[in-house]
Amino acid sequence: MAGETHTTVDGQVILDVPAAEHGAGFPPFDPTHFVSQLFWLFVTFLVFYWIMKNVALPRIAGILEDRHDRIAGDLSEAERLKRETDEAIAAYEQALSEARARARGIAQDTREKLKAETDARRATAEQGLAAKLAEADAHISAIKDKALAQVGEIASETSSALVEALIGVAPAKAEADAAVQAAAK
């Protein structure tokens, strides 16, 4: 090629081609092509604008509207569930309150029944004890009377035995009885 020049860099040959052979540099920066480039830029912009306006944006708007509707539906469902939960909690609290009141009533009735049964048993036991106590008192009184009746005789015999042991002669039974009665007064 006639106008080529060769340059060597570190032993390698680099081919230098003059700028006149391939045009006036980088074609997009060539001022002769600006009009056609601006035309195609405008056409491409219009095509993309039309696609965005008629295809992409309606789909995006539909998606956003669906999401908005779904969110609104979810919020209303959540509100409904919250109301139902609040109602269920209120019903639970009411039932719990009623159950506690019934339990207190049952406990009070049971306490009263048990107290009445205990009082009845105590009264029965007290009556039985009173009867046994009266019987025991009567028995003790009988034993006491019998013992007191025999005290004079026992005292008379004891004093006779003591006198005999002291003086060696036993006193007469009538004398010993008279001495004991005189001492008892």
N, C-alpha and C. Protein backbone atom coordinates (compact mmCIF):
# COMPACT_ATOMS: atom_id res chain seq x y z
N MET A 1 0.84 -1.15 0.00
CA MET A 1 0.00 0.00 0.00
C MET A 1 0.87 1.21 0.00
N ALA A 2 0.44 2.12 -0.75
CA ALA A 2 1.34 3.18 -1.10
C ALA A 2 1.60 4.16 0.01
N GLY A 3 0.65 4.59 0.77
CA GLY A 3 0.91 5.62 1.76
C GLY A 3 1.09 5.09 3.16
N GLU A 4 1.36 3.83 3.30
CA GLU A 4 1.48 3.25 4.64
C GLU A 4 2.84 3.54 5.21
N THR A 5 2.83 3.71 6.47
CA THR A 5 4.09 3.85 7.18
C THR A 5 4.11 2.80 8.27
N HIS A 6 5.29 2.35 8.56
CA HIS A 6 5.43 1.32 9.58
C HIS A 6 6.23 1.86 10.74
N THR A 7 5.75 1.55 11.92
CA THR A 7 6.45 1.97 13.12
C THR A 7 6.76 0.71 13.93
N THR A 8 7.89 0.68 14.58
CA THR A 8 8.24 -0.47 15.41
C THR A 8 8.27 -0.02 16.87
N VAL A 9 7.62 -0.82 17.69
CA VAL A 9 7.64 -0.58 19.14
C VAL A 9 8.07 -1.89 19.77
N ASP A 10 9.20 -1.85 20.42
CA ASP A 10 9.76 -3.05 21.07
C ASP A 10 9.80 -4.22 20.09
N GLY A 11 10.19 -3.99 18.88
CA GLY A 11 10.37 -5.03 17.89
C GLY A 11 9.11 -5.42 17.17
N GLN A 12 7.95 -4.81 17.46
CA GLN A 12 6.72 -5.14 16.76
C GLN A 12 6.41 -4.04 15.77
N VAL A 13 5.81 -4.46 14.67
CA VAL A 13 5.52 -3.52 13.60
C VAL A 13 4.08 -3.07 13.76
N ILE A 14 3.84 -1.77 13.80
CA ILE A 14 2.51 -1.20 13.90
C ILE A 14 2.26 -0.48 12.61
N LEU A 15 1.12 -0.73 12.00
CA LEU A 15 0.75 -0.15 10.73
C LEU A 15 0.04 1.16 10.98
N ASP A 16 0.51 2.23 10.48
CA ASP A 16 -0.13 3.53 10.61
C ASP A 16 -0.88 3.81 9.33
N VAL A 17 -2.19 4.03 9.44
CA VAL A 17 -3.00 4.33 8.27
C VAL A 17 -3.39 5.79 8.39
N PRO A 18 -3.21 6.56 7.36
CA PRO A 18 -3.56 7.96 7.42
C PRO A 18 -5.06 8.14 7.59
N ALA A 19 -5.47 9.20 8.28
CA ALA A 19 -6.87 9.47 8.58
C ALA A 19 -7.67 9.73 7.33
N ALA A 20 -7.10 10.15 6.28
CA ALA A 20 -7.83 10.45 5.06
C ALA A 20 -8.38 9.20 4.42
N GLU A 21 -7.81 8.08 4.68
CA GLU A 21 -8.25 6.85 4.03
C GLU A 21 -9.53 6.29 4.65
N HIS A 22 -9.80 6.53 5.91
CA HIS A 22 -11.01 5.93 6.52
C HIS A 22 -12.02 6.99 6.90
N GLY A 23 -11.92 8.18 6.52
CA GLY A 23 -12.91 9.22 6.77
C GLY A 23 -12.37 10.25 7.73
N ALA A 24 -13.28 11.06 8.27
CA ALA A 24 -12.86 12.17 9.11
C ALA A 24 -12.88 11.79 10.57
N GLY A 25 -12.54 10.62 10.96
CA GLY A 25 -12.51 10.20 12.36
C GLY A 25 -13.69 9.31 12.70
N PHE A 26 -14.14 9.35 13.96
CA PHE A 26 -15.24 8.52 14.45
C PHE A 26 -16.55 8.99 13.83
N PRO A 27 -17.29 8.09 13.12
CA PRO A 27 -18.46 8.51 12.34
C PRO A 27 -19.56 9.20 13.14
N PRO A 28 -19.88 8.80 14.35
CA PRO A 28 -20.94 9.52 15.03
C PRO A 28 -20.61 10.97 15.32
N PHE A 29 -19.34 11.30 15.31
CA PHE A 29 -18.96 12.69 15.55
C PHE A 29 -18.73 13.46 14.24
N ASP A 30 -19.00 12.81 13.16
CA ASP A 30 -18.84 13.45 11.86
C ASP A 30 -20.04 14.36 11.63
N PRO A 31 -19.87 15.66 11.45
CA PRO A 31 -20.98 16.59 11.29
C PRO A 31 -21.85 16.31 10.08
N THR A 32 -21.40 15.56 9.13
CA THR A 32 -22.22 15.29 7.96
C THR A 32 -23.33 14.29 8.29
N HIS A 33 -23.17 13.54 9.36
CA HIS A 33 -24.18 12.53 9.74
C HIS A 33 -25.11 13.00 10.85
N PHE A 34 -24.99 14.22 11.34
CA PHE A 34 -25.79 14.70 12.47
C PHE A 34 -27.28 14.70 12.17
N VAL A 35 -27.68 15.08 11.01
CA VAL A 35 -29.10 15.18 10.68
C VAL A 35 -29.74 13.80 10.70
N SER A 36 -29.13 12.82 10.09
CA SER A 36 -29.70 11.48 10.08
C SER A 36 -29.69 10.88 11.49
N GLN A 37 -28.67 11.19 12.24
CA GLN A 37 -28.60 10.66 13.61
C GLN A 37 -29.71 11.27 14.48
N LEU A 38 -29.96 12.57 14.30
CA LEU A 38 -31.03 13.21 15.06
C LEU A 38 -32.39 12.67 14.63
N PHE A 39 -32.57 12.41 13.33
CA PHE A 39 -33.82 11.83 12.83
C PHE A 39 -34.07 10.48 13.48
N TRP A 40 -33.10 9.61 13.46
CA TRP A 40 -33.27 8.27 14.03
C TRP A 40 -33.41 8.31 15.55
N LEU A 41 -32.75 9.25 16.18
CA LEU A 41 -32.93 9.43 17.62
C LEU A 41 -34.38 9.81 17.92
N PHE A 42 -34.95 10.73 17.13
CA PHE A 42 -36.33 11.14 17.31
C PHE A 42 -37.29 9.98 17.05
N VAL A 43 -37.08 9.21 15.99
CA VAL A 43 -37.94 8.06 15.66
C VAL A 43 -37.86 7.03 16.78
N THR A 44 -36.66 6.72 17.23
CA THR A 44 -36.48 5.73 18.31
C THR A 44 -37.15 6.21 19.59
N PHE A 45 -37.00 7.50 19.89
CA PHE A 45 -37.64 8.06 21.08
C PHE A 45 -39.15 7.92 20.99
N LEU A 46 -39.73 8.24 19.81
CA LEU A 46 -41.18 8.11 19.64
C LEU A 46 -41.64 6.66 19.79
N VAL A 47 -40.89 5.72 19.22
CA VAL A 47 -41.27 4.30 19.33
C VAL A 47 -41.23 3.87 20.79
N PHE A 48 -40.15 4.20 21.52
CA PHE A 48 -40.06 3.85 22.94
C PHE A 48 -41.14 4.54 23.76
N TYR A 49 -41.42 5.80 23.41
CA TYR A 49 -42.47 6.53 24.11
C TYR A 49 -43.82 5.85 23.91
N TRP A 50 -44.10 5.47 22.66
CA TRP A 50 -45.38 4.81 22.36
C TRP A 50 -45.46 3.46 23.10
N ILE A 51 -44.37 2.69 23.09
CA ILE A 51 -44.36 1.39 23.79
C ILE A 51 -44.59 1.60 25.29
N MET A 52 -43.92 2.59 25.87
CA MET A 52 -44.07 2.86 27.30
C MET A 52 -45.50 3.30 27.60
N LYS A 53 -46.04 4.21 26.76
CA LYS A 53 -47.37 4.77 27.02
C LYS A 53 -48.45 3.72 26.83
N ASN A 54 -48.37 2.91 25.80
CA ASN A 54 -49.45 2.00 25.46
C ASN A 54 -49.27 0.58 25.98
N VAL A 55 -48.07 0.18 26.33
CA VAL A 55 -47.86 -1.20 26.76
C VAL A 55 -47.37 -1.27 28.20
N ALA A 56 -46.21 -0.68 28.47
CA ALA A 56 -45.56 -0.86 29.77
C ALA A 56 -46.30 -0.13 30.89
N LEU A 57 -46.61 1.15 30.69
CA LEU A 57 -47.24 1.92 31.75
C LEU A 57 -48.63 1.42 32.12
N PRO A 58 -49.49 1.01 31.14
CA PRO A 58 -50.78 0.44 31.55
C PRO A 58 -50.61 -0.84 32.37
N ARG A 59 -49.64 -1.67 31.99
CA ARG A 59 -49.41 -2.89 32.77
C ARG A 59 -48.93 -2.54 34.18
N ILE A 60 -48.02 -1.59 34.26
CA ILE A 60 -47.52 -1.17 35.58
C ILE A 60 -48.65 -0.56 36.39
N ALA A 61 -49.48 0.27 35.73
CA ALA A 61 -50.62 0.88 36.44
C ALA A 61 -51.58 -0.20 36.91
N GLY A 62 -51.83 -1.21 36.06
CA GLY A 62 -52.71 -2.31 36.45
C GLY A 62 -52.13 -3.08 37.64
N ILE A 63 -50.84 -3.33 37.60
CA ILE A 63 -50.18 -4.03 38.71
C ILE A 63 -50.29 -3.21 39.99
N LEU A 64 -50.03 -1.89 39.85
CA LEU A 64 -50.12 -1.03 41.03
C LEU A 64 -51.55 -0.98 41.56
N GLU A 65 -52.53 -0.92 40.64
CA GLU A 65 -53.93 -0.90 41.07
C GLU A 65 -54.30 -2.21 41.76
N ASP A 66 -53.84 -3.35 41.19
CA ASP A 66 -54.10 -4.65 41.82
C ASP A 66 -53.47 -4.71 43.22
N ARG A 67 -52.25 -4.23 43.31
CA ARG A 67 -51.58 -4.23 44.61
C ARG A 67 -52.31 -3.34 45.60
N HIS A 68 -52.76 -2.18 45.10
CA HIS A 68 -53.50 -1.26 45.98
C HIS A 68 -54.80 -1.91 46.45
N ASP A 69 -55.52 -2.56 45.50
CA ASP A 69 -56.76 -3.24 45.86
C ASP A 69 -56.50 -4.39 46.84
N ARG A 70 -55.45 -5.16 46.59
CA ARG A 70 -55.12 -6.28 47.47
C ARG A 70 -54.74 -5.76 48.87
N ILE A 71 -53.98 -4.68 48.91
CA ILE A 71 -53.59 -4.11 50.21
C ILE A 71 -54.83 -3.59 50.94
N ALA A 72 -55.71 -2.91 50.21
CA ALA A 72 -56.94 -2.40 50.83
C ALA A 72 -57.79 -3.57 51.33
N GLY A 73 -57.88 -4.63 50.51
CA GLY A 73 -58.64 -5.81 50.93
C GLY A 73 -58.01 -6.47 52.15
N ASP A 74 -56.70 -6.56 52.13
CA ASP A 74 -56.01 -7.16 53.28
C ASP A 74 -56.21 -6.32 54.54
N LEU A 75 -56.17 -4.99 54.39
CA LEU A 75 -56.39 -4.12 55.54
C LEU A 75 -57.81 -4.26 56.08
N SER A 76 -58.79 -4.33 55.17
CA SER A 76 -60.17 -4.47 55.63
C SER A 76 -60.37 -5.85 56.28
N GLU A 77 -59.74 -6.88 55.71
CA GLU A 77 -59.81 -8.22 56.30
C GLU A 77 -59.15 -8.22 57.68
N ALA A 78 -58.01 -7.54 57.78
CA ALA A 78 -57.32 -7.47 59.08
C ALA A 78 -58.19 -6.72 60.10
N GLU A 79 -58.84 -5.66 59.66
CA GLU A 79 -59.72 -4.92 60.56
C GLU A 79 -60.89 -5.79 61.01
N ARG A 80 -61.47 -6.54 60.05
CA ARG A 80 -62.58 -7.44 60.39
C ARG A 80 -62.12 -8.51 61.38
N LEU A 81 -60.96 -9.09 61.13
CA LEU A 81 -60.43 -10.11 62.04
C LEU A 81 -60.12 -9.51 63.41
N LYS A 82 -59.66 -8.27 63.42
CA LYS A 82 -59.38 -7.61 64.70
C LYS A 82 -60.67 -7.41 65.48
N ARG A 83 -61.74 -6.98 64.77
CA ARG A 83 -63.03 -6.82 65.45
C ARG A 83 -63.52 -8.16 65.99
N GLU A 84 -63.40 -9.21 65.16
CA GLU A 84 -63.83 -10.53 65.62
C GLU A 84 -63.01 -10.99 66.81
N THR A 85 -61.72 -10.71 66.77
CA THR A 85 -60.85 -11.08 67.90
C THR A 85 -61.25 -10.32 69.15
N ASP A 86 -61.51 -9.01 68.99
CA ASP A 86 -61.94 -8.22 70.14
C ASP A 86 -63.26 -8.74 70.71
N GLU A 87 -64.19 -9.10 69.81
CA GLU A 87 -65.47 -9.65 70.26
C GLU A 87 -65.25 -10.99 70.97
N ALA A 88 -64.37 -11.82 70.41
CA ALA A 88 -64.09 -13.12 71.04
C ALA A 88 -63.44 -12.92 72.40
N ILE A 89 -62.55 -11.95 72.51
CA ILE A 89 -61.91 -11.68 73.80
C ILE A 89 -62.95 -11.18 74.80
N ALA A 90 -63.85 -10.30 74.35
CA ALA A 90 -64.89 -9.79 75.24
C ALA A 90 -65.80 -10.94 75.69
N ALA A 91 -66.18 -11.82 74.75
CA ALA A 91 -67.02 -12.97 75.10
C ALA A 91 -66.28 -13.90 76.07
N TYR A 92 -65.00 -14.09 75.83
CA TYR A 92 -64.19 -14.93 76.72
C TYR A 92 -64.13 -14.32 78.12
N GLU A 93 -63.89 -13.01 78.19
CA GLU A 93 -63.83 -12.34 79.49
C GLU A 93 -65.18 -12.45 80.20
N GLN A 94 -66.27 -12.29 79.45
CA GLN A 94 -67.61 -12.40 80.03
C GLN A 94 -67.84 -13.81 80.56
N ALA A 95 -67.51 -14.81 79.73
CA ALA A 95 -67.69 -16.21 80.15
C ALA A 95 -66.81 -16.52 81.36
N LEU A 96 -65.60 -16.00 81.35
CA LEU A 96 -64.70 -16.22 82.48
C LEU A 96 -65.26 -15.58 83.74
N SER A 97 -65.80 -14.38 83.60
CA SER A 97 -66.39 -13.69 84.75
C SER A 97 -67.60 -14.47 85.29
N GLU A 98 -68.44 -14.96 84.38
CA GLU A 98 -69.60 -15.75 84.79
C GLU A 98 -69.17 -17.05 85.46
N ALA A 99 -68.14 -17.70 84.89
CA ALA A 99 -67.65 -18.94 85.47
C ALA A 99 -67.08 -18.71 86.87
N ARG A 100 -66.37 -17.60 87.03
CA ARG A 100 -65.85 -17.27 88.37
C ARG A 100 -66.98 -17.03 89.35
N ALA A 101 -68.02 -16.32 88.89
CA ALA A 101 -69.16 -16.05 89.78
C ALA A 101 -69.85 -17.37 90.15
N ARG A 102 -70.03 -18.26 89.16
CA ARG A 102 -70.65 -19.57 89.45
C ARG A 102 -69.77 -20.36 90.41
N ALA A 103 -68.46 -20.32 90.19
CA ALA A 103 -67.54 -21.06 91.05
C ALA A 103 -67.61 -20.51 92.48
N ARG A 104 -67.66 -19.17 92.60
CA ARG A 104 -67.80 -18.59 93.95
C ARG A 104 -69.11 -19.04 94.59
N GLY A 105 -70.20 -19.05 93.80
CA GLY A 105 -71.50 -19.49 94.32
C GLY A 105 -71.46 -20.94 94.75
N ILE A 106 -70.86 -21.79 93.91
CA ILE A 106 -70.76 -23.21 94.24
C ILE A 106 -69.91 -23.39 95.50
N ALA A 107 -68.81 -22.65 95.56
CA ALA A 107 -67.94 -22.76 96.74
C ALA A 107 -68.69 -22.30 97.99
N GLN A 108 -69.45 -21.20 97.87
CA GLN A 108 -70.22 -20.71 99.02
C GLN A 108 -71.27 -21.73 99.44
N ASP A 109 -72.00 -22.31 98.46
CA ASP A 109 -73.00 -23.33 98.77
C ASP A 109 -72.35 -24.53 99.44
N THR A 110 -71.21 -24.95 98.91
CA THR A 110 -70.52 -26.10 99.49
C THR A 110 -70.07 -25.79 100.91
N ARG A 111 -69.53 -24.58 101.12
CA ARG A 111 -69.13 -24.18 102.48
C ARG A 111 -70.33 -24.21 103.42
N GLU A 112 -71.46 -23.68 102.95
CA GLU A 112 -72.65 -23.66 103.80
C GLU A 112 -73.15 -25.07 104.10
N LYS A 113 -73.15 -25.95 103.08
CA LYS A 113 -73.58 -27.34 103.29
C LYS A 113 -72.65 -28.03 104.29
N LEU A 114 -71.35 -27.87 104.07
CA LEU A 114 -70.39 -28.50 104.96
C LEU A 114 -70.51 -27.96 106.38
N LYS A 115 -70.75 -26.64 106.50
CA LYS A 115 -70.90 -26.04 107.82
C LYS A 115 -72.16 -26.59 108.49
N ALA A 116 -73.25 -26.70 107.71
CA ALA A 116 -74.49 -27.23 108.28
C ALA A 116 -74.29 -28.69 108.70
N GLU A 117 -73.63 -29.49 107.84
CA GLU A 117 -73.37 -30.89 108.19
C GLU A 117 -72.47 -30.97 109.42
N THR A 118 -71.45 -30.12 109.45
CA THR A 118 -70.54 -30.13 110.60
C THR A 118 -71.27 -29.70 111.86
N ASP A 119 -72.12 -28.68 111.75
CA ASP A 119 -72.88 -28.23 112.91
C ASP A 119 -73.83 -29.33 113.39
N ALA A 120 -74.46 -30.01 112.44
CA ALA A 120 -75.37 -31.11 112.81
C ALA A 120 -74.59 -32.23 113.48
N ARG A 121 -73.45 -32.60 112.92
CA ARG A 121 -72.63 -33.65 113.54
C ARG A 121 -72.15 -33.21 114.93
N ARG A 122 -71.73 -31.94 115.02
CA ARG A 122 -71.26 -31.44 116.31
C ARG A 122 -72.41 -31.47 117.32
N ALA A 123 -73.61 -31.04 116.91
CA ALA A 123 -74.75 -31.05 117.83
C ALA A 123 -75.07 -32.48 118.26
N THR A 124 -75.04 -33.41 117.30
CA THR A 124 -75.30 -34.81 117.63
C THR A 124 -74.22 -35.32 118.58
N ALA A 125 -72.97 -35.01 118.27
CA ALA A 125 -71.88 -35.45 119.14
C ALA A 125 -71.99 -34.81 120.52
N GLU A 126 -72.36 -33.52 120.58
CA GLU A 126 -72.51 -32.86 121.87
C GLU A 126 -73.65 -33.47 122.66
N GLN A 127 -74.76 -33.81 121.96
CA GLN A 127 -75.88 -34.45 122.66
C GLN A 127 -75.44 -35.81 123.20
N GLY A 128 -74.70 -36.56 122.35
CA GLY A 128 -74.22 -37.87 122.81
C GLY A 128 -73.26 -37.73 123.97
N LEU A 129 -72.38 -36.73 123.87
CA LEU A 129 -71.44 -36.50 124.96
C LEU A 129 -72.17 -36.03 126.23
N ALA A 130 -73.18 -35.17 126.04
CA ALA A 130 -73.95 -34.71 127.19
C ALA A 130 -74.65 -35.88 127.86
N ALA A 131 -75.21 -36.78 127.04
CA ALA A 131 -75.89 -37.95 127.61
C ALA A 131 -74.87 -38.83 128.32
N LYS A 132 -73.74 -39.06 127.72
CA LYS A 132 -72.70 -39.89 128.36
C LYS A 132 -72.17 -39.20 129.62
N LEU A 133 -72.04 -37.87 129.57
CA LEU A 133 -71.58 -37.12 130.72
C LEU A 133 -72.58 -37.22 131.86
N ALA A 134 -73.87 -37.08 131.53
CA ALA A 134 -74.91 -37.21 132.56
C ALA A 134 -74.90 -38.62 133.14
N GLU A 135 -74.74 -39.61 132.28
CA GLU A 135 -74.69 -41.00 132.73
C GLU A 135 -73.46 -41.22 133.62
N ALA A 136 -72.32 -40.65 133.18
CA ALA A 136 -71.10 -40.79 133.97
C ALA A 136 -71.25 -40.06 135.30
N ASP A 137 -71.87 -38.86 135.28
CA ASP A 137 -72.09 -38.14 136.54
C ASP A 137 -72.97 -38.95 137.48
N ALA A 138 -74.01 -39.55 136.93
CA ALA A 138 -74.91 -40.37 137.76
C ALA A 138 -74.14 -41.56 138.33
N HIS A 139 -73.32 -42.19 137.50
CA HIS A 139 -72.54 -43.34 137.95
C HIS A 139 -71.53 -42.91 139.03
N ILE A 140 -70.87 -41.74 138.77
CA ILE A 140 -69.91 -41.22 139.76
C ILE A 140 -70.64 -40.88 141.05
N SER A 141 -71.79 -40.27 140.94
CA SER A 141 -72.57 -39.93 142.15
C SER A 141 -72.95 -41.19 142.92
N ALA A 142 -73.35 -42.23 142.20
CA ALA A 142 -73.71 -43.49 142.85
C ALA A 142 -72.49 -44.09 143.54
N ILE A 143 -71.35 -44.08 142.85
CA ILE A 143 -70.13 -44.62 143.45
C ILE A 143 -69.73 -43.76 144.65
N LYS A 144 -69.86 -42.44 144.50
CA LYS A 144 -69.49 -41.52 145.59
C LYS A 144 -70.40 -41.75 146.80
N ASP A 145 -71.72 -41.86 146.53
CA ASP A 145 -72.65 -42.11 147.63
C ASP A 145 -72.34 -43.44 148.32
N LYS A 146 -72.07 -44.46 147.51
CA LYS A 146 -71.74 -45.78 148.05
C LYS A 146 -70.45 -45.69 148.85
N ALA A 147 -69.46 -44.96 148.28
CA ALA A 147 -68.19 -44.82 148.97
C ALA A 147 -68.36 -44.02 150.25
N LEU A 148 -69.16 -42.94 150.21
CA LEU A 148 -69.39 -42.14 151.41
C LEU A 148 -70.14 -42.95 152.47
N ALA A 149 -71.04 -43.80 151.99
CA ALA A 149 -71.77 -44.66 152.93
C ALA A 149 -70.82 -45.63 153.60
N GLN A 150 -69.82 -46.03 152.91
CA GLN A 150 -68.88 -46.99 153.46
C GLN A 150 -67.75 -46.30 154.21
N VAL A 151 -67.58 -45.00 154.04
CA VAL A 151 -66.50 -44.27 154.70
C VAL A 151 -66.67 -44.36 156.22
N GLY A 152 -67.90 -44.19 156.65
CA GLY A 152 -68.14 -44.28 158.10
C GLY A 152 -67.77 -45.64 158.63
N GLU A 153 -68.16 -46.66 157.93
CA GLU A 153 -67.86 -48.03 158.36
C GLU A 153 -66.37 -48.29 158.32
N ILE A 154 -65.72 -47.81 157.21
CA ILE A 154 -64.28 -48.01 157.07
C ILE A 154 -63.55 -47.22 158.16
N ALA A 155 -63.99 -46.00 158.43
CA ALA A 155 -63.37 -45.17 159.47
C ALA A 155 -63.53 -45.84 160.84
N SER A 156 -64.70 -46.40 161.05
CA SER A 156 -64.97 -47.07 162.32
C SER A 156 -64.06 -48.27 162.49
N GLU A 157 -63.92 -49.06 161.42
CA GLU A 157 -63.06 -50.25 161.49
C GLU A 157 -61.61 -49.83 161.65
N THR A 158 -61.20 -48.77 160.92
CA THR A 158 -59.81 -48.32 160.99
C THR A 158 -59.51 -47.79 162.38
N SER A 159 -60.41 -46.98 162.93
CA SER A 159 -60.17 -46.45 164.27
C SER A 159 -60.14 -47.57 165.32
N SER A 160 -60.99 -48.61 165.16
CA SER A 160 -60.97 -49.76 166.08
C SER A 160 -59.64 -50.46 165.99
N ALA A 161 -59.14 -50.63 164.77
CA ALA A 161 -57.86 -51.32 164.58
C ALA A 161 -56.73 -50.49 165.17
N LEU A 162 -56.78 -49.19 165.06
CA LEU A 162 -55.74 -48.31 165.59
C LEU A 162 -55.75 -48.34 167.13
N VAL A 163 -56.96 -48.25 167.68
CA VAL A 163 -57.08 -48.26 169.15
C VAL A 163 -56.56 -49.60 169.68
N GLU A 164 -56.91 -50.68 169.03
CA GLU A 164 -56.47 -52.00 169.47
C GLU A 164 -54.96 -52.10 169.36
N ALA A 165 -54.40 -51.53 168.31
CA ALA A 165 -52.96 -51.59 168.14
C ALA A 165 -52.27 -50.72 169.18
N LEU A 166 -52.89 -49.64 169.59
CA LEU A 166 -52.26 -48.73 170.54
C LEU A 166 -52.41 -49.24 172.00
N ILE A 167 -53.59 -49.62 172.37
CA ILE A 167 -53.80 -49.99 173.77
C ILE A 167 -53.96 -51.49 173.95
N GLY A 168 -54.09 -52.20 172.91
CA GLY A 168 -54.16 -53.65 172.98
C GLY A 168 -55.57 -54.18 173.18
N VAL A 169 -56.57 -53.33 173.39
CA VAL A 169 -57.95 -53.79 173.59
C VAL A 169 -58.78 -53.14 172.50
N ALA A 170 -59.64 -53.93 171.84
CA ALA A 170 -60.49 -53.42 170.78
C ALA A 170 -61.74 -52.81 171.39
N PRO A 171 -62.13 -51.58 170.97
CA PRO A 171 -63.34 -50.97 171.49
C PRO A 171 -64.57 -51.64 170.88
N ALA A 172 -65.69 -51.39 171.45
CA ALA A 172 -66.92 -51.96 170.93
C ALA A 172 -67.30 -51.23 169.65
N LYS A 173 -67.99 -51.95 168.80
CA LYS A 173 -68.35 -51.41 167.48
C LYS A 173 -69.22 -50.18 167.64
N ALA A 174 -70.14 -50.12 168.55
CA ALA A 174 -71.02 -48.99 168.75
C ALA A 174 -70.23 -47.79 169.22
N GLU A 175 -69.22 -47.99 170.09
CA GLU A 175 -68.40 -46.89 170.57
C GLU A 175 -67.58 -46.31 169.43
N ALA A 176 -67.02 -47.16 168.60
CA ALA A 176 -66.20 -46.70 167.47
C ALA A 176 -67.07 -45.94 166.48
N ASP A 177 -68.31 -46.41 166.21
CA ASP A 177 -69.21 -45.72 165.28
C ASP A 177 -69.60 -44.36 165.83
N ALA A 178 -69.85 -44.26 167.13
CA ALA A 178 -70.23 -43.00 167.74
C ALA A 178 -69.08 -42.01 167.68
N ALA A 179 -67.84 -42.48 167.90
CA ALA A 179 -66.66 -41.60 167.85
C ALA A 179 -66.44 -41.07 166.44
N VAL A 180 -66.64 -41.90 165.41
CA VAL A 180 -66.45 -41.48 164.02
C VAL A 180 -67.51 -40.47 163.66
N GLN A 181 -68.76 -40.67 164.04
CA GLN A 181 -69.83 -39.74 163.72
C GLN A 181 -69.62 -38.41 164.42
N ALA A 182 -69.11 -38.44 165.63
CA ALA A 182 -68.85 -37.21 166.36
C ALA A 182 -67.72 -36.43 165.70
N ALA A 183 -66.73 -37.12 165.16
CA ALA A 183 -65.59 -36.48 164.51
C ALA A 183 -66.01 -35.94 163.12
N ALA A 184 -66.96 -36.57 162.44
CA ALA A 184 -67.39 -36.17 161.12
C ALA A 184 -68.19 -34.89 161.17
N LYS A 185 -68.80 -34.54 162.31
CA LYS A 185 -69.65 -33.36 162.39
C LYS A 185 -68.83 -32.16 162.53
